Structures are given as structure tokens and as C-alpha cells.
Amino acid sequence: MKIKKHEAKVKDLLERRPRLRDSDMRLLANVWYYEMMQMDINPSKTDAYKMLDLISSNKLSNPSSIRRCRAKIQEMNPELRGEKYASRQKAETEEVKSEIKHWNNK
């Protein structure tokens, strides 16, 4: 994974489109949209099979890389954090801790 290579693209999207700050899925969709446009592929005329082919052949950015890049950018740039940032940080941290502690009980 090359997370740093996505920094400029992700930061630009977070700056220009505040609604993407709280949704990794919306952010990913926008990143993929622009990547497809750069490949001269019209996303609005692309079927699911072609989209799956692009994803599976690593022609579109890895979702984990985009998420990690967004998280690092928001960590370093508080002004790019979404409205849910603080509450999600605490809630998800507690949820993950609980899941790990009770791993064998499920």
C-alpha cells in the first residue's frame, strides 16, 4: 500500500467537499470517480462488471489506503475533521477495545 501518494488528492477533496469528511465511502467513491475520469472511463456509463474488474486489477486506489490517508490528514489538520470526528474517535476506540477483550466469547 502506498498511502502517502494519495495525500494531495484526498486533502483536496476534504478541503473542497466538507460532506466527505465524515464518510469514507463517499470519499472513496469520489476518489474512484476522478481516477476513472483520468483513465477516460465515464463512471456514469460503467457497468458493475467493469467496476469490479478495475478494483480487482488494482487500477483503482485501495480503500484501506484512502481511509488511512484520510485519517492521517485529519489527525494533522483539525480543520479538515468532520462533524462526527470527536464522537467517532471515542466510540470506535471503546468498541474496538471491547471486541478485542471479548474475542473468544463470541
C-alpha atoms as a PDB file:
ATOM      1  CA  MET A   1       0.000   0.000   0.000  1.00  0.00           C
ATOM      2  CA  LYS A   2       1.223   3.438  -0.847  1.00  0.00           C
ATOM      3  CA  ILE A   3      -0.749   5.734   1.408  1.00  0.00           C
ATOM      4  CA  LYS A   4       1.316   8.913   1.016  1.00  0.00           C
ATOM      5  CA  LYS A   5       0.775   9.029  -2.757  1.00  0.00           C
ATOM      6  CA  HIS A   6      -2.927   9.747  -2.126  1.00  0.00           C
ATOM      7  CA  GLU A   7      -2.309  12.685   0.192  1.00  0.00           C
ATOM      8  CA  ALA A   8      -2.765  15.553  -2.280  1.00  0.00           C
ATOM      9  CA  LYS A   9      -5.881  14.059  -3.849  1.00  0.00           C
ATOM     10  CA  VAL A  10      -7.558  13.191  -0.533  1.00  0.00           C
ATOM     11  CA  LYS A  11      -6.643  16.507   1.077  1.00  0.00           C
ATOM     12  CA  ASP A  12      -8.015  18.433  -1.898  1.00  0.00           C
ATOM     13  CA  LEU A  13     -11.318  16.537  -1.720  1.00  0.00           C
ATOM     14  CA  LEU A  14     -11.606  17.086   2.036  1.00  0.00           C
ATOM     15  CA  GLU A  15     -10.970  20.807   1.572  1.00  0.00           C
ATOM     16  CA  ARG A  16     -13.388  21.276  -1.320  1.00  0.00           C
ATOM     17  CA  ARG A  17     -16.162  18.931  -0.155  1.00  0.00           C
ATOM     18  CA  PRO A  18     -16.814  19.046   3.601  1.00  0.00           C
ATOM     19  CA  ARG A  19     -19.508  16.341   3.335  1.00  0.00           C
ATOM     20  CA  LEU A  20     -16.760  13.814   2.550  1.00  0.00           C
ATOM     21  CA  ARG A  21     -15.054  14.388   5.910  1.00  0.00           C
ATOM     22  CA  ASP A  22     -17.393  12.055   7.808  1.00  0.00           C
ATOM     23  CA  SER A  23     -17.824   9.316   5.225  1.00  0.00           C
ATOM     24  CA  ASP A  24     -15.028   7.069   3.971  1.00  0.00           C
ATOM     25  CA  MET A  25     -17.418   5.535   1.459  1.00  0.00           C
ATOM     26  CA  ARG A  26     -18.311   8.919  -0.068  1.00  0.00           C
ATOM     27  CA  LEU A  27     -14.648   9.887  -0.102  1.00  0.00           C
ATOM     28  CA  LEU A  28     -13.686   6.604  -1.779  1.00  0.00           C
ATOM     29  CA  ALA A  29     -16.437   6.991  -4.371  1.00  0.00           C
ATOM     30  CA  ASN A  30     -15.131  10.460  -5.225  1.00  0.00           C
ATOM     31  CA  VAL A  31     -11.525   9.272  -5.451  1.00  0.00           C
ATOM     32  CA  TRP A  32     -12.547   6.417  -7.748  1.00  0.00           C
ATOM     33  CA  TYR A  33     -14.706   8.746  -9.823  1.00  0.00           C
ATOM     34  CA  TYR A  34     -11.746  11.034 -10.537  1.00  0.00           C
ATOM     35  CA  GLU A  35      -9.408   8.103 -11.165  1.00  0.00           C
ATOM     36  CA  MET A  36     -11.817   6.668 -13.713  1.00  0.00           C
ATOM     37  CA  MET A  37     -12.146  10.053 -15.403  1.00  0.00           C
ATOM     38  CA  GLN A  38      -8.338  10.199 -15.670  1.00  0.00           C
ATOM     39  CA  MET A  39      -8.469   6.816 -17.436  1.00  0.00           C
ATOM     40  CA  ASP A  40     -11.073   8.221 -19.860  1.00  0.00           C
ATOM     41  CA  ILE A  41     -13.730   5.957 -18.376  1.00  0.00           C
ATOM     42  CA  ASN A  42     -17.112   7.593 -17.830  1.00  0.00           C
ATOM     43  CA  PRO A  43     -18.261   6.409 -14.375  1.00  0.00           C
ATOM     44  CA  SER A  44     -21.915   7.120 -15.157  1.00  0.00           C
ATOM     45  CA  LYS A  45     -21.762   4.734 -18.128  1.00  0.00           C
ATOM     46  CA  THR A  46     -19.716   1.993 -16.488  1.00  0.00           C
ATOM     47  CA  ASP A  47     -21.404  -1.250 -15.512  1.00  0.00           C
ATOM     48  CA  ALA A  48     -20.754  -3.132 -12.282  1.00  0.00           C
ATOM     49  CA  TYR A  49     -18.680  -5.803 -14.036  1.00  0.00           C
ATOM     50  CA  LYS A  50     -16.257  -3.206 -15.395  1.00  0.00           C
ATOM     51  CA  MET A  51     -16.069  -1.521 -11.989  1.00  0.00           C
ATOM     52  CA  LEU A  52     -15.288  -4.843 -10.283  1.00  0.00           C
ATOM     53  CA  ASP A  53     -12.631  -5.519 -12.919  1.00  0.00           C
ATOM     54  CA  LEU A  54     -10.984  -2.140 -12.235  1.00  0.00           C
ATOM     55  CA  ILE A  55     -10.989  -2.802  -8.489  1.00  0.00           C
ATOM     56  CA  SER A  56      -9.722  -6.387  -8.710  1.00  0.00           C
ATOM     57  CA  SER A  57      -6.948  -5.463 -11.143  1.00  0.00           C
ATOM     58  CA  ASN A  58      -5.732  -2.717  -8.764  1.00  0.00           C
ATOM     59  CA  LYS A  59      -6.417   0.052 -11.262  1.00  0.00           C
ATOM     60  CA  LEU A  60      -8.360   1.977  -8.617  1.00  0.00           C
ATOM     61  CA  SER A  61      -6.984   3.050  -5.253  1.00  0.00           C
ATOM     62  CA  ASN A  62      -7.065   0.595  -2.383  1.00  0.00           C
ATOM     63  CA  PRO A  63      -9.910   1.520   0.004  1.00  0.00           C
ATOM     64  CA  SER A  64      -7.691   0.916   3.050  1.00  0.00           C
ATOM     65  CA  SER A  65      -5.084   3.324   1.708  1.00  0.00           C
ATOM     66  CA  ILE A  66      -7.688   6.037   1.177  1.00  0.00           C
ATOM     67  CA  ARG A  67      -9.125   5.532   4.667  1.00  0.00           C
ATOM     68  CA  ARG A  68      -5.710   5.596   6.322  1.00  0.00           C
ATOM     69  CA  CYS A  69      -4.691   8.643   4.327  1.00  0.00           C
ATOM     70  CA  ARG A  70      -7.884  10.467   5.339  1.00  0.00           C
ATOM     71  CA  ALA A  71      -7.303   9.583   8.987  1.00  0.00           C
ATOM     72  CA  LYS A  72      -3.713  10.870   8.936  1.00  0.00           C
ATOM     73  CA  ILE A  73      -4.692  14.082   7.141  1.00  0.00           C
ATOM     74  CA  GLN A  74      -7.457  14.736   9.672  1.00  0.00           C
ATOM     75  CA  GLU A  75      -5.098  13.962  12.553  1.00  0.00           C
ATOM     76  CA  MET A  76      -2.635  16.575  11.270  1.00  0.00           C
ATOM     77  CA  ASN A  77      -5.263  19.090  10.063  1.00  0.00           C
ATOM     78  CA  PRO A  78      -8.065  19.534  12.632  1.00  0.00           C
ATOM     79  CA  GLU A  79      -9.883  21.949  10.316  1.00  0.00           C
ATOM     80  CA  LEU A  80     -10.490  19.038   7.900  1.00  0.00           C
ATOM     81  CA  ARG A  81     -12.197  16.856  10.507  1.00  0.00           C
ATOM     82  CA  GLY A  82     -15.873  16.171  10.052  1.00  0.00           C
ATOM     83  CA  GLU A  83     -18.644  16.907  12.494  1.00  0.00           C
ATOM     84  CA  LYS A  84     -18.607  13.341  13.811  1.00  0.00           C
ATOM     85  CA  TYR A  85     -14.827  13.108  14.302  1.00  0.00           C
ATOM     86  CA  ALA A  86     -14.589  13.514  18.075  1.00  0.00           C
ATOM     87  CA  SER A  87     -17.559  11.307  18.942  1.00  0.00           C
ATOM     88  CA  ARG A  88     -16.466   8.625  16.496  1.00  0.00           C
ATOM     89  CA  GLN A  89     -12.913   8.577  17.891  1.00  0.00           C
ATOM     90  CA  LYS A  90     -14.158   7.803  21.395  1.00  0.00           C
ATOM     91  CA  ALA A  91     -16.975   5.444  20.410  1.00  0.00           C
ATOM     92  CA  GLU A  92     -14.913   3.385  17.976  1.00  0.00           C
ATOM     93  CA  THR A  93     -11.979   3.165  20.358  1.00  0.00           C
ATOM     94  CA  GLU A  94     -14.199   1.774  23.117  1.00  0.00           C
ATOM     95  CA  GLU A  95     -15.961  -0.588  20.703  1.00  0.00           C
ATOM     96  CA  VAL A  96     -12.671  -1.997  19.399  1.00  0.00           C
ATOM     97  CA  LYS A  97     -11.289  -2.416  22.924  1.00  0.00           C
ATOM     98  CA  SER A  98     -14.410  -4.294  23.961  1.00  0.00           C
ATOM     99  CA  GLU A  99     -14.333  -6.534  20.902  1.00  0.00           C
ATOM    100  CA  ILE A 100     -10.684  -7.438  21.466  1.00  0.00           C
ATOM    101  CA  LYS A 101     -11.230  -8.151  25.181  1.00  0.00           C
ATOM    102  CA  HIS A 102     -14.167 -10.446  24.406  1.00  0.00           C
ATOM    103  CA  TRP A 103     -12.679 -12.056  21.288  1.00  0.00           C
ATOM    104  CA  ASN A 104     -13.067 -15.669  22.445  1.00  0.00           C
ATOM    105  CA  ASN A 105     -16.518 -15.145  23.987  1.00  0.00           C
ATOM    106  CA  LYS A 106     -18.314 -14.817  20.660  1.00  0.00           C
END
